[in-house]
N, C-alpha and C. Protein backbone atom coordinates (compact mmCIF):
# COMPACT_ATOMS: atom_id res chain seq x y z
N UNK A 1 -5.75 -16.39 13.07
CA UNK A 1 -4.41 -16.35 12.43
C UNK A 1 -3.87 -15.03 12.45
N UNK A 2 -2.57 -15.06 12.72
CA UNK A 2 -1.85 -13.73 12.80
C UNK A 2 -1.60 -13.05 11.43
N UNK A 3 -1.65 -11.72 11.32
CA UNK A 3 -1.43 -10.80 10.12
C UNK A 3 -0.18 -10.14 10.43
N UNK A 4 0.79 -10.25 9.41
CA UNK A 4 2.14 -9.62 9.52
C UNK A 4 2.08 -8.35 8.34
N UNK A 5 2.47 -7.26 8.71
CA UNK A 5 2.63 -6.25 7.84
C UNK A 5 4.21 -5.89 7.42
N UNK A 6 4.45 -5.65 6.18
CA UNK A 6 5.72 -5.30 5.92
C UNK A 6 5.84 -4.30 4.81
N UNK A 7 6.87 -3.46 4.81
CA UNK A 7 7.02 -2.46 3.57
C UNK A 7 7.80 -3.30 2.58
N UNK A 8 7.24 -2.96 1.37
CA UNK A 8 7.74 -3.76 0.08
C UNK A 8 9.19 -3.06 -0.13
N UNK A 9 10.10 -3.93 -0.18
CA UNK A 9 11.46 -3.52 -0.71
C UNK A 9 11.79 -4.00 -2.05
N UNK A 10 11.21 -4.94 -2.54
CA UNK A 10 11.41 -5.61 -3.87
C UNK A 10 10.07 -5.99 -4.40
N UNK A 11 9.74 -5.62 -5.68
CA UNK A 11 8.62 -6.15 -6.30
C UNK A 11 8.98 -7.45 -6.95
N UNK A 12 8.00 -8.39 -6.49
CA UNK A 12 8.09 -9.71 -6.98
C UNK A 12 6.78 -10.26 -7.81
N UNK A 13 7.02 -11.30 -8.42
CA UNK A 13 5.85 -11.89 -9.20
C UNK A 13 4.58 -12.13 -8.30
N UNK A 14 4.96 -12.53 -6.96
CA UNK A 14 3.94 -12.82 -6.02
C UNK A 14 3.08 -11.48 -5.71
N UNK A 15 3.88 -10.45 -5.58
CA UNK A 15 3.09 -9.09 -5.44
C UNK A 15 2.29 -8.75 -6.70
N UNK A 16 2.79 -8.77 -7.78
CA UNK A 16 2.21 -8.48 -8.99
C UNK A 16 0.95 -9.30 -9.13
N UNK A 17 0.82 -10.64 -8.83
CA UNK A 17 -0.23 -11.50 -8.95
C UNK A 17 -1.16 -11.04 -7.82
N UNK A 18 -0.75 -10.75 -6.67
CA UNK A 18 -1.69 -10.42 -5.58
C UNK A 18 -2.38 -9.08 -5.97
N UNK A 19 -1.67 -8.08 -6.57
CA UNK A 19 -2.47 -6.97 -6.79
C UNK A 19 -3.48 -7.21 -7.76
N UNK A 20 -3.34 -8.06 -8.65
CA UNK A 20 -4.48 -8.35 -9.68
C UNK A 20 -5.68 -8.76 -8.90
N UNK A 21 -5.64 -9.42 -7.86
CA UNK A 21 -6.93 -9.93 -7.17
C UNK A 21 -7.33 -8.94 -6.18
N UNK A 22 -6.36 -8.06 -5.61
CA UNK A 22 -6.87 -7.07 -4.70
C UNK A 22 -7.48 -5.83 -5.18
N UNK A 23 -6.85 -5.20 -6.41
CA UNK A 23 -7.44 -3.98 -6.94
C UNK A 23 -8.73 -4.06 -7.43
N UNK A 24 -9.33 -5.05 -7.81
CA UNK A 24 -10.68 -5.10 -8.23
C UNK A 24 -11.74 -4.95 -7.13
N UNK A 25 -11.12 -5.38 -5.92
CA UNK A 25 -12.03 -5.35 -4.68
C UNK A 25 -12.35 -3.71 -4.23
N UNK A 26 -11.53 -2.90 -4.88
CA UNK A 26 -11.58 -1.45 -4.60
C UNK A 26 -12.51 -0.92 -5.80
N UNK A 27 -12.11 -1.32 -6.85
CA UNK A 27 -12.88 -0.73 -8.23
C UNK A 27 -12.90 -1.82 -9.24
N UNK A 28 -14.21 -2.23 -9.77
CA UNK A 28 -14.24 -3.02 -10.91
C UNK A 28 -13.48 -2.43 -12.08
N UNK A 29 -13.30 -1.20 -12.25
CA UNK A 29 -12.71 -0.64 -13.40
C UNK A 29 -11.15 -0.42 -13.24
N UNK A 30 -10.64 -0.71 -12.04
CA UNK A 30 -9.14 -0.53 -11.87
C UNK A 30 -8.31 -1.30 -12.88
N UNK A 31 -7.45 -0.73 -13.51
CA UNK A 31 -6.43 -1.34 -14.36
C UNK A 31 -5.37 -2.07 -13.67
N UNK A 32 -5.04 -3.26 -14.04
CA UNK A 32 -3.93 -3.98 -13.44
C UNK A 32 -2.66 -3.20 -13.31
N UNK A 33 -1.89 -3.34 -12.26
CA UNK A 33 -0.69 -2.87 -12.28
C UNK A 33 0.45 -3.77 -12.63
N UNK A 34 1.36 -3.16 -13.44
CA UNK A 34 2.44 -4.08 -13.81
C UNK A 34 3.60 -4.03 -12.75
N UNK A 35 4.57 -4.78 -12.91
CA UNK A 35 5.62 -4.89 -12.01
C UNK A 35 6.38 -3.48 -12.13
N UNK A 36 6.42 -2.89 -13.18
CA UNK A 36 7.12 -1.46 -13.35
C UNK A 36 6.25 -0.51 -12.56
N UNK A 37 4.96 -0.51 -12.68
CA UNK A 37 4.08 0.29 -11.93
C UNK A 37 4.18 0.15 -10.31
N UNK A 38 4.34 -1.09 -9.90
CA UNK A 38 4.68 -1.27 -8.56
C UNK A 38 5.97 -0.88 -8.15
N UNK A 39 7.03 -1.05 -9.02
CA UNK A 39 8.33 -0.69 -8.69
C UNK A 39 8.43 0.89 -8.57
N UNK A 40 7.76 1.68 -9.37
CA UNK A 40 7.68 3.00 -9.28
C UNK A 40 7.00 3.42 -7.93
N UNK A 41 6.01 2.80 -7.52
CA UNK A 41 5.44 3.12 -6.35
C UNK A 41 6.27 2.81 -5.18
N UNK A 42 6.83 1.53 -5.18
CA UNK A 42 7.56 1.08 -4.12
C UNK A 42 8.92 1.88 -3.91
N UNK A 43 9.35 2.43 -4.92
CA UNK A 43 10.77 3.15 -5.01
C UNK A 43 10.54 4.65 -4.71
N UNK A 44 9.42 5.06 -4.78
CA UNK A 44 9.14 6.54 -4.68
C UNK A 44 9.52 7.08 -3.33
N UNK A 45 10.37 8.16 -3.36
CA UNK A 45 10.84 8.57 -2.09
C UNK A 45 9.91 9.01 -1.07
N UNK A 46 8.69 9.43 -1.49
CA UNK A 46 7.66 9.99 -0.72
C UNK A 46 6.52 8.96 -0.44
N UNK A 47 6.72 7.74 -0.70
CA UNK A 47 5.58 6.80 -0.45
C UNK A 47 6.21 5.50 -0.12
N UNK A 48 5.49 4.82 0.93
CA UNK A 48 5.77 3.47 1.29
C UNK A 48 4.57 2.50 0.96
N UNK A 49 5.09 1.49 0.18
CA UNK A 49 3.88 0.42 0.00
C UNK A 49 4.04 -0.73 0.93
N UNK A 50 2.89 -0.92 1.61
CA UNK A 50 2.85 -1.93 2.62
C UNK A 50 1.94 -3.07 2.19
N UNK A 51 2.31 -4.37 2.51
CA UNK A 51 1.63 -5.49 2.24
C UNK A 51 1.16 -6.09 3.65
N UNK A 52 0.02 -6.85 3.65
CA UNK A 52 -0.20 -7.55 4.81
C UNK A 52 -0.29 -8.96 4.46
N UNK A 53 0.32 -9.84 5.27
CA UNK A 53 0.31 -11.32 5.13
C UNK A 53 -0.39 -12.11 6.00
N UNK A 54 -1.01 -13.04 5.68
CA UNK A 54 -1.78 -13.99 6.57
C UNK A 54 -1.42 -15.47 6.03
N UNK A 55 -0.79 -16.23 7.06
CA UNK A 55 -0.47 -17.49 6.56
C UNK A 55 0.69 -17.53 5.51
N UNK A 56 1.33 -16.46 5.21
CA UNK A 56 2.44 -16.25 4.25
C UNK A 56 1.93 -15.66 2.97
N UNK A 57 0.56 -15.66 2.74
CA UNK A 57 -0.02 -15.11 1.56
C UNK A 57 -0.27 -13.68 1.74
N UNK A 58 -0.12 -12.90 0.68
CA UNK A 58 -0.56 -11.53 0.60
C UNK A 58 -2.00 -11.39 0.57
N UNK A 59 -2.67 -10.70 1.66
CA UNK A 59 -4.02 -10.63 1.76
C UNK A 59 -4.42 -9.13 1.71
N UNK A 60 -3.55 -8.03 1.65
CA UNK A 60 -3.89 -6.78 1.65
C UNK A 60 -2.60 -5.83 1.28
N UNK A 61 -3.03 -4.66 0.96
CA UNK A 61 -1.88 -3.68 0.75
C UNK A 61 -2.46 -2.19 0.84
N UNK A 62 -1.66 -1.36 1.09
CA UNK A 62 -1.93 0.07 1.05
C UNK A 62 -0.78 0.93 1.00
N UNK A 63 -0.85 2.07 0.45
CA UNK A 63 0.36 3.11 0.37
C UNK A 63 0.24 4.18 1.47
N UNK A 64 1.35 4.47 1.94
CA UNK A 64 1.42 5.71 2.94
C UNK A 64 2.42 6.64 2.41
N UNK A 65 2.00 8.03 2.44
CA UNK A 65 2.72 9.15 1.99
C UNK A 65 2.77 10.19 2.93
N UNK A 66 3.76 10.32 3.89
CA UNK A 66 3.91 11.34 4.93
C UNK A 66 4.29 12.69 4.23
N UNK A 67 3.88 13.80 4.72
CA UNK A 67 4.40 15.04 4.24
C UNK A 67 4.41 16.01 5.35
N UNK A 68 5.20 17.17 5.29
CA UNK A 68 5.46 18.04 6.32
C UNK A 68 4.69 19.34 5.78
N UNK A 69 4.03 19.95 6.67
CA UNK A 69 3.27 21.33 6.39
C UNK A 69 4.36 22.34 6.93
N UNK A 70 4.13 23.56 6.43
CA UNK A 70 5.06 24.69 6.82
C UNK A 70 4.48 25.12 8.20
N UNK A 71 5.35 25.70 8.83
CA UNK A 71 4.94 26.30 10.30
C UNK A 71 3.66 27.23 10.06
N UNK A 72 2.87 27.07 10.81
CA UNK A 72 1.53 27.95 10.93
C UNK A 72 1.34 28.67 12.13
N UNK A 73 1.35 29.97 11.98
CA UNK A 73 1.07 30.65 13.11
C UNK A 73 1.98 30.50 14.29
N UNK A 74 3.21 30.35 14.18
CA UNK A 74 4.16 30.14 15.20
C UNK A 74 4.04 28.72 15.94
N UNK A 75 3.24 27.79 15.37
CA UNK A 75 2.99 26.41 16.14
C UNK A 75 3.97 25.43 15.54
N UNK A 76 4.93 25.67 14.57
CA UNK A 76 5.79 24.71 14.30
C UNK A 76 5.25 23.96 13.07
N UNK A 77 6.16 23.02 12.44
CA UNK A 77 5.73 22.24 11.40
C UNK A 77 4.94 21.01 12.00
N UNK A 78 4.11 20.50 11.19
CA UNK A 78 3.32 19.20 11.53
C UNK A 78 3.48 18.37 10.39
N UNK A 79 3.50 17.11 10.75
CA UNK A 79 3.61 15.82 9.73
C UNK A 79 2.22 15.51 9.50
N UNK A 80 1.84 15.52 8.28
CA UNK A 80 0.46 15.05 7.90
C UNK A 80 0.74 13.70 7.14
N UNK A 81 -0.17 12.76 7.29
CA UNK A 81 -0.27 11.46 6.62
C UNK A 81 -1.41 11.20 5.79
N UNK A 82 -0.87 10.62 4.63
CA UNK A 82 -2.07 10.21 3.67
C UNK A 82 -1.90 8.71 3.23
N UNK A 83 -2.87 8.13 3.52
CA UNK A 83 -2.93 6.70 3.10
C UNK A 83 -3.89 6.43 2.07
N UNK A 84 -3.58 5.27 1.28
CA UNK A 84 -4.59 5.00 0.17
C UNK A 84 -5.80 4.28 0.94
N UNK A 85 -6.72 4.07 0.24
CA UNK A 85 -7.76 2.93 0.71
C UNK A 85 -7.18 1.64 0.83
N UNK A 86 -7.17 0.82 1.99
CA UNK A 86 -6.63 -0.42 2.05
C UNK A 86 -7.33 -1.34 1.00
N UNK A 87 -6.67 -2.28 0.46
CA UNK A 87 -7.23 -3.32 -0.34
C UNK A 87 -7.04 -4.54 0.44
N UNK A 88 -8.11 -5.24 0.82
CA UNK A 88 -8.08 -6.43 1.52
C UNK A 88 -8.88 -7.45 0.93
N UNK A 89 -8.36 -8.81 0.71
CA UNK A 89 -9.03 -9.81 0.34
C UNK A 89 -10.40 -10.02 0.95
N UNK A 90 -11.40 -10.28 0.37
CA UNK A 90 -12.57 -10.65 1.04
C UNK A 90 -12.46 -11.79 2.13
N UNK A 91 -11.77 -12.56 1.71
CA UNK A 91 -11.66 -13.89 2.71
C UNK A 91 -10.71 -13.53 3.88
N UNK A 92 -10.11 -12.42 3.94
CA UNK A 92 -9.28 -12.10 4.93
C UNK A 92 -10.01 -11.06 6.01
N UNK A 93 -11.13 -10.67 5.52
CA UNK A 93 -11.66 -9.75 6.41
C UNK A 93 -12.48 -10.41 7.44
N UNK A 94 -12.64 -9.63 8.53
CA UNK A 94 -13.30 -10.39 9.78
C UNK A 94 -14.76 -10.33 9.56
């Protein structure tokens, strides 16, 4: 089955519910994220929240935060990328 990845534009109750099942797969002690928490993440100018869907259902998520480093030794600026550990439902893993 095909997986579709999309950037979160709006936080929905579906997303809030999905994070409640995804985060414990990363850490048993992870606190649930509220709609307000997710909205702050999704709307932050330096972060993109991505979700993965399979069969229409959210099966994974991660955050991506690009940043630019200052020019070093005349080599010009470089873009560095930071991603969170992807959270993927166990049933969606190969």
